[in-house]
Protein backbone atom coordinates (compact mmCIF):
# COMPACT_ATOMS: atom_id res chain seq x y z
CA MET A 1 -0.04 -0.05 -0.15
CA THR A 2 1.12 3.44 -0.77
CA ALA A 3 1.10 6.14 1.65
CA SER A 4 -1.81 8.03 0.20
CA ASP A 5 -3.36 4.64 -0.12
CA ALA A 6 -3.02 3.94 3.45
CA ALA A 7 -3.57 7.71 4.51
CA ALA A 8 -7.35 7.23 2.70
CA THR A 9 -7.92 3.88 4.62
CA ASP A 10 -6.86 4.95 8.17
CA VAL A 11 -9.55 6.99 8.47
CA ALA A 12 -11.83 4.15 8.29
CA ILE A 13 -9.53 1.50 10.26
CA THR A 14 -10.75 0.95 13.92
CA ALA A 15 -8.06 1.11 16.88
CA ARG A 16 -5.75 -2.07 17.19
CA ALA A 17 -6.69 -3.52 20.16
CA PRO A 18 -5.02 -6.13 22.36
CA ILE A 19 -5.44 -9.99 21.29
CA VAL A 20 -6.07 -13.16 22.86
CA SER A 21 -5.15 -16.28 21.11
CA VAL A 22 -5.96 -19.73 22.63
CA LYS A 23 -4.57 -23.47 20.99
CA PRO A 24 -5.18 -26.04 20.42
CA VAL A 25 -8.66 -26.41 21.22
CA VAL A 26 -9.60 -30.09 20.00
CA LEU A 27 -13.20 -30.81 18.71
CA GLU A 28 -14.14 -34.11 18.59
CA ALA A 29 -14.60 -35.79 14.72
CA PRO A 30 -16.04 -38.90 14.93
CA GLY A 31 -14.85 -40.99 11.18
CA ARG A 32 -12.29 -38.08 10.80
CA GLY A 33 -9.37 -40.21 12.02
CA GLU A 34 -8.26 -38.01 14.75
CA GLY A 35 -9.62 -34.81 16.67
CA LEU A 36 -10.21 -31.11 15.01
CA ARG A 37 -7.02 -28.71 16.45
CA VAL A 38 -8.36 -25.51 16.05
CA ARG A 39 -7.09 -21.87 17.13
CA ILE A 40 -9.27 -18.99 18.22
CA SER A 41 -8.01 -15.55 18.41
CA ALA A 42 -10.05 -12.37 19.53
CA PRO A 43 -9.51 -8.93 20.63
CA THR A 44 -9.89 -8.20 24.44
CA THR A 45 -12.46 -5.59 24.45
CA GLY A 46 -15.70 -4.91 22.35
CA SER A 47 -18.66 -7.11 22.41
CA GLU A 48 -21.21 -8.27 19.13
CA LEU A 49 -17.91 -9.56 17.38
CA PRO A 50 -18.34 -10.84 14.05
CA ILE A 51 -16.65 -14.22 13.10
CA ILE A 52 -14.44 -15.36 10.63
CA VAL A 53 -13.63 -18.82 10.03
CA PHE A 54 -10.13 -19.10 8.03
CA SER A 55 -8.95 -22.28 6.21
CA HIS A 56 -5.45 -22.53 5.27
CA GLY A 57 -3.56 -23.69 2.11
CA PHE A 58 -2.49 -27.22 1.37
CA GLY A 59 0.18 -28.02 4.01
CA SER A 60 -0.40 -25.14 6.56
CA SER A 61 -1.81 -25.34 9.81
CA LEU A 62 -3.67 -23.12 12.42
CA ASN A 63 -0.50 -21.39 13.11
CA GLY A 64 -0.30 -19.98 10.01
CA TYR A 65 -1.44 -16.84 8.49
CA GLY A 66 -0.67 -14.63 11.31
CA PRO A 67 -0.51 -11.10 9.45
CA LEU A 68 -4.11 -11.79 8.62
CA ALA A 69 -5.46 -13.27 11.73
CA ASP A 70 -3.82 -11.23 14.15
CA PHE A 71 -5.15 -7.86 12.12
CA TRP A 72 -8.52 -9.23 12.06
CA ALA A 73 -8.58 -9.80 15.44
CA ALA A 74 -7.31 -6.42 16.46
CA HIS A 75 -10.06 -4.96 14.92
CA GLY A 76 -13.01 -6.43 15.75
CA PHE A 77 -13.42 -10.34 14.67
CA VAL A 78 -13.27 -13.54 16.18
CA VAL A 79 -10.79 -15.37 13.71
CA ILE A 80 -11.38 -19.58 14.09
CA GLN A 81 -8.44 -21.58 12.20
CA PRO A 82 -8.76 -25.26 11.97
CA THR A 83 -5.74 -27.75 11.03
CA HIS A 84 -7.05 -29.64 8.29
CA LEU A 85 -5.78 -33.06 7.68
CA ASP A 86 -3.11 -32.24 4.71
CA SER A 87 -1.40 -30.25 6.93
CA ARG A 88 2.51 -30.87 7.43
CA THR A 89 1.87 -31.01 11.37
CA VAL A 90 -0.37 -33.85 10.70
CA GLY A 91 1.70 -36.20 8.31
CA LEU A 92 -1.08 -37.90 6.42
CA PRO A 93 0.31 -40.63 4.35
CA GLN A 94 -0.19 -40.15 0.60
CA ASP A 95 -1.53 -43.83 0.38
CA ASP A 96 -3.98 -43.11 3.68
CA LEU A 97 -7.58 -43.75 2.47
CA ARG A 98 -8.86 -40.34 3.23
CA THR A 99 -6.60 -38.60 0.82
CA PRO A 100 -9.32 -38.44 -2.18
CA ARG A 101 -11.51 -36.59 -0.07
CA LEU A 102 -8.98 -34.40 1.93
CA TRP A 103 -11.24 -31.65 0.11
CA ARG A 104 -14.58 -33.28 1.63
CA PHE A 105 -12.60 -33.17 4.93
CA ARG A 106 -11.96 -29.59 4.88
CA VAL A 107 -15.25 -28.64 4.31
CA GLN A 108 -16.66 -30.84 7.37
CA ASP A 109 -13.83 -29.24 9.66
CA MET A 110 -15.26 -25.87 8.77
CA LYS A 111 -18.79 -26.85 9.24
CA ARG A 112 -18.11 -28.59 12.64
CA ILE A 113 -16.56 -25.26 13.74
CA LEU A 114 -19.92 -23.86 13.18
CA ASP A 115 -21.56 -26.50 14.96
CA GLN A 116 -19.38 -26.22 18.23
CA LEU A 117 -19.45 -22.38 18.38
CA ASP A 118 -20.43 -23.00 22.15
CA LEU A 119 -17.45 -24.73 22.87
CA LEU A 120 -15.16 -22.87 21.17
CA GLU A 121 -16.42 -19.43 22.61
CA ALA A 122 -15.89 -20.88 26.51
CA ALA A 123 -12.23 -22.18 25.65
CA VAL A 124 -11.22 -18.51 25.33
CA PRO A 125 -11.09 -16.59 28.76
CA GLY A 126 -13.40 -13.22 28.92
CA LEU A 127 -15.14 -13.96 24.99
CA SER A 128 -18.31 -15.50 26.57
CA GLY A 129 -21.33 -13.41 25.46
CA ARG A 130 -19.59 -11.18 22.90
CA LEU A 131 -20.16 -13.05 19.59
CA ASP A 132 -22.22 -12.18 16.71
CA ARG A 133 -23.63 -15.58 15.42
CA SER A 134 -25.81 -13.69 13.00
CA ARG A 135 -22.54 -12.31 11.36
CA ILE A 136 -20.15 -15.25 10.65
CA ALA A 137 -17.70 -15.46 7.19
CA ALA A 138 -15.85 -18.09 5.87
CA ALA A 139 -12.20 -17.13 4.12
CA GLY A 140 -9.34 -18.87 2.60
CA HIS A 141 -5.97 -18.86 0.74
CA SER A 142 -5.22 -21.23 -2.29
CA PHE A 143 -7.05 -24.70 -1.47
CA GLY A 144 -8.59 -23.03 2.11
CA GLY A 145 -10.24 -20.85 -0.64
CA GLN A 146 -11.91 -23.51 -2.34
CA THR A 147 -12.76 -25.33 0.72
CA ALA A 148 -14.41 -21.57 1.93
CA GLY A 149 -15.91 -21.27 -1.32
CA ASN A 150 -18.12 -24.53 -0.78
CA LEU A 151 -19.90 -22.97 2.55
CA LEU A 152 -20.55 -20.13 -0.15
CA GLY A 153 -22.49 -22.41 -2.58
CA LEU A 154 -19.33 -23.76 -4.70
CA ARG A 155 -19.69 -27.36 -5.45
CA VAL A 156 -17.04 -29.82 -5.88
CA LEU A 157 -17.30 -33.02 -8.46
CA ASP A 158 -16.59 -35.63 -5.77
CA PRO A 159 -13.60 -37.80 -7.45
CA VAL A 160 -14.89 -40.95 -4.98
CA SER A 161 -18.59 -40.13 -5.63
CA LYS A 162 -18.95 -38.56 -8.84
CA ASN A 163 -21.32 -36.46 -7.60
CA ALA A 164 -20.99 -32.52 -6.88
CA GLU A 165 -23.01 -31.81 -3.67
CA ASP A 166 -24.20 -28.48 -2.07
CA LEU A 167 -22.48 -28.26 0.85
CA SER A 168 -23.32 -24.47 1.45
CA ASP A 169 -24.32 -23.42 4.75
CA SER A 170 -26.68 -20.44 5.70
CA ARG A 171 -24.94 -19.78 8.57
CA ILE A 172 -22.36 -18.14 6.50
CA LYS A 173 -23.00 -14.72 5.30
CA ALA A 174 -19.99 -13.33 3.38
CA GLY A 175 -16.75 -14.69 2.21
CA VAL A 176 -13.22 -13.75 0.89
CA LEU A 177 -11.24 -16.41 -1.64
CA LEU A 178 -7.56 -15.54 -1.75
CA ALA A 179 -5.47 -17.07 -4.50
CA THR A 180 -8.42 -19.54 -5.33
CA ALA A 181 -8.46 -22.03 -8.15
CA GLY A 182 -10.59 -21.60 -11.03
CA ARG A 183 -12.14 -23.85 -13.71
CA GLY A 184 -11.19 -27.79 -13.85
CA GLY A 185 -11.22 -29.87 -17.43
CA ALA A 186 -9.05 -28.34 -20.10
CA ASP A 187 -7.90 -25.59 -17.77
CA LEU A 188 -5.73 -27.66 -15.53
CA THR A 189 -2.28 -28.81 -16.13
CA PRO A 190 -1.46 -32.71 -16.30
CA PHE A 191 0.04 -32.42 -12.88
CA ALA A 192 -2.61 -31.23 -11.27
CA ALA A 193 -5.20 -33.18 -13.10
CA GLU A 194 -3.42 -36.26 -12.19
CA ASN A 195 -2.80 -35.24 -7.87
CA LEU A 196 -5.58 -33.05 -7.32
CA PRO A 197 -8.86 -34.40 -8.33
CA TRP A 198 -11.11 -32.33 -6.34
CA LEU A 199 -10.12 -29.64 -9.14
CA LYS A 200 -11.01 -31.40 -11.82
CA GLY A 201 -14.88 -30.18 -12.19
CA PRO A 202 -15.36 -26.97 -9.86
CA ASP A 203 -19.17 -25.38 -10.60
CA PHE A 204 -19.46 -21.34 -9.62
CA ALA A 205 -22.84 -21.20 -10.88
CA HIS A 206 -24.54 -21.41 -7.10
CA MET A 207 -21.83 -19.43 -5.47
CA THR A 208 -24.45 -16.55 -4.40
CA THR A 209 -23.04 -15.53 -1.09
CA PRO A 210 -21.47 -11.96 -1.08
CA THR A 211 -17.69 -12.69 -1.65
CA LEU A 212 -14.47 -10.86 -2.19
CA VAL A 213 -12.16 -12.34 -4.77
CA VAL A 214 -8.57 -11.82 -4.24
CA ALA A 215 -5.93 -12.74 -6.92
CA GLY A 216 -2.52 -11.65 -8.04
CA ASP A 217 -1.66 -10.86 -11.61
CA LYS A 218 1.80 -12.78 -11.54
CA ASP A 219 0.43 -15.86 -9.90
CA GLU A 220 2.03 -18.55 -12.13
CA LEU A 221 0.63 -21.79 -10.54
CA PRO A 222 2.02 -25.20 -11.94
CA LEU A 223 -2.30 -26.13 -11.91
CA SER A 224 -3.43 -24.57 -14.78
CA VAL A 225 -2.41 -23.64 -18.34
CA ARG A 226 -4.14 -20.22 -18.56
CA GLY A 227 -1.90 -18.39 -15.99
CA PRO A 228 -2.96 -16.05 -13.50
CA GLU A 229 -6.20 -15.19 -15.00
CA TRP A 230 -7.49 -18.73 -13.84
CA LEU A 231 -7.67 -17.19 -10.54
CA THR A 232 -10.52 -14.72 -11.09
CA ASP A 233 -12.76 -17.31 -12.18
CA PRO A 234 -14.05 -17.48 -8.61
CA TYR A 235 -15.32 -13.63 -9.43
CA HIS A 236 -16.32 -14.12 -13.40
CA LEU A 237 -18.30 -17.67 -12.85
CA SER A 238 -20.24 -16.75 -10.22
CA PRO A 239 -23.61 -15.01 -9.53
CA GLY A 240 -24.77 -12.71 -7.20
CA ARG A 241 -22.84 -9.83 -5.87
CA LYS A 242 -19.10 -10.22 -5.57
CA SER A 243 -16.22 -8.08 -5.69
CA LEU A 244 -12.41 -8.85 -7.19
CA LEU A 245 -9.25 -7.13 -5.84
CA THR A 246 -6.43 -7.38 -8.44
CA LEU A 247 -2.87 -7.09 -6.99
CA PHE A 248 -0.35 -5.81 -9.22
CA GLY A 249 2.59 -8.13 -9.12
CA ALA A 250 1.64 -10.46 -6.47
CA GLU A 251 2.57 -14.04 -6.56
CA HIS A 252 0.86 -17.18 -5.08
CA SER A 253 1.61 -15.67 -1.64
CA LEU A 254 0.16 -12.30 -2.17
CA GLY A 255 3.17 -10.31 -0.64
CA GLY A 256 3.46 -12.70 2.59
CA ILE A 257 0.02 -13.50 4.13
CA ALA A 258 0.85 -17.05 5.12
CA GLY A 259 3.23 -16.02 7.58
CA TYR A 260 6.04 -13.77 9.17
CA GLU A 261 8.94 -15.41 8.09
CA VAL A 262 10.09 -14.62 4.66
CA ARG A 263 10.58 -18.39 3.61
CA GLU A 264 6.99 -18.60 3.49
CA THR A 265 6.59 -16.41 0.61
CA THR A 266 8.35 -15.73 -2.82
CA ASP A 267 6.98 -12.35 -3.29
CA GLU A 268 7.67 -10.52 0.04
CA ASN A 269 5.91 -7.28 0.42
CA PRO A 270 4.70 -5.88 3.19
CA GLU A 271 2.81 -2.76 1.67
CA ARG A 272 0.86 -5.55 -0.23
CA VAL A 273 0.06 -7.48 2.62
CA ALA A 274 -1.23 -4.46 4.33
CA LEU A 275 -3.68 -3.56 1.61
CA ILE A 276 -4.91 -7.10 1.78
CA GLN A 277 -5.55 -6.55 5.71
CA ARG A 278 -7.32 -2.99 5.41
CA VAL A 279 -9.18 -4.22 2.24
CA THR A 280 -10.45 -7.70 3.40
CA TRP A 281 -11.55 -5.87 7.10
CA ALA A 282 -13.12 -3.36 5.15
CA TYR A 283 -15.28 -5.46 2.57
CA LEU A 284 -16.25 -7.69 5.36
CA ARG A 285 -17.46 -5.05 7.58
CA HIS A 286 -19.49 -4.15 4.72
CA ALA A 287 -20.60 -7.18 3.68
CA LEU A 288 -21.68 -8.20 6.83
CA GLY A 289 -23.55 -5.33 7.13
CA ILE A 290 -21.97 -3.25 10.09
CA GLU A 291 -21.12 -0.19 8.13
CA ASP A 292 -20.12 0.70 4.64
CA THR A 293 -17.95 3.84 5.08
CA SER A 294 -14.51 1.67 5.04
CA TRP A 295 -15.06 0.03 2.10
CA THR A 296 -16.29 2.76 0.36
CA ALA A 297 -12.98 4.30 1.14
CA ALA A 298 -10.67 1.20 0.49
CA GLN A 299 -12.31 1.05 -2.89
CA LYS A 300 -11.51 5.31 -3.76
CA ALA A 301 -7.72 4.94 -2.05
CA LEU A 302 -7.36 2.59 -4.78
CA SER A 303 -8.85 4.50 -7.79
CA GLY A 304 -7.39 7.65 -6.76
CA SER A 305 -3.96 6.51 -6.15
CA VAL A 306 -1.18 8.28 -8.95
CA ALA A 307 0.37 4.25 -8.41
CA PRO A 308 -2.15 1.92 -7.19
CA MET A 309 -0.94 -1.60 -5.73
CA GLY A 310 -4.11 -2.94 -7.19
CA ARG A 311 -7.66 -2.45 -8.67
CA ILE A 312 -11.18 -3.26 -6.99
CA GLU A 313 -14.14 -4.19 -9.74
CA SER A 314 -17.80 -5.30 -8.50
CA LYS A 315 -20.88 -6.66 -10.23
C-alpha cells in the first residue's frame, strides 16, 4: 500500500485492540481419524464481535496466516482457524484412504466449527457472550479458498462419489477467497488433473453468497494452462454480489499473507499485505452489514491513487 493509499483507508480503520489467542482447542471429530485442532483469536475488548472461519492453504496449519488473523482480531473480529488433515503437522501418508477426499474433510472441519461455537467460545477467557453469531464469514487461501467457497455455494465434483453436492451453509453470510482455483477440465495442467482430483470439476454457478475474490496478476501456478487469469474465475463465473481485488505484481503468497517469516513467501511485500489486511477487513464489515464507510474508502483509495498496488471491481 502506498502512503496515499494508507492515509485514505486509515480514516476508516478502528483502533488496534490487544488480542488473546488460544490453541489448540481440540474438537471431537468422529469418522475423521483424529480430533480437529483449532485456534481462536479475539480482541480483548468489544462486544457483538463478528466471526471469520479461516481455512489454510495445502500443508499449512492453525499456526499460519498470522498477518491476516492477527490484524482481523485486533480490529474487531473473532478468527477461528482449523488444522486440516493435509497439514504437514498431521503427516497423513499419501496412500491414506482419506487422501482422495481431503477436500471434503476440510469442508466438514469448517462446519464442525460452526456446530461447536459454544465450546470454542468457552475456551477463550473473557470471550463468553461477546460473539455475534448472525455475522459469520468464511475465508481461505489457495486450497483453503476452495474450502471456504464450498460454504458459499461452490460445488466440487467428488472424485469418489462422482457427485457435486451442495455443501453451502446458511450460517455463512460473506466470504473472502484468496488465490483460489478456477475452472477444471481442459484448464488444468496434467499435474493438477492427476494429483488434485478435487480441481477437475468445480461449479461456481451456485456460489451466490457475497464474496471478495483476491488474485495476483503474477500468480503462475503449475495447476492451470491459463496463467494468473485462472484465479479470477471465482469472481467471473459466480452470480450475485461479488468484488474482485487484483493485486499488481503479486504471486501466490500475495506478498506474504501465509506468515511472518520471509521463507513463507516468494514475493515479500509488506505494503501489499497491509493493503490486503485493510481491504478484506473493510469488505467484510460491508458485506456483513456492519458499516459501509470503510469499504467505500478502500475503493476510493485505490481508484484515486497515482501508483495503485491493485484495482477493485464489483458486480
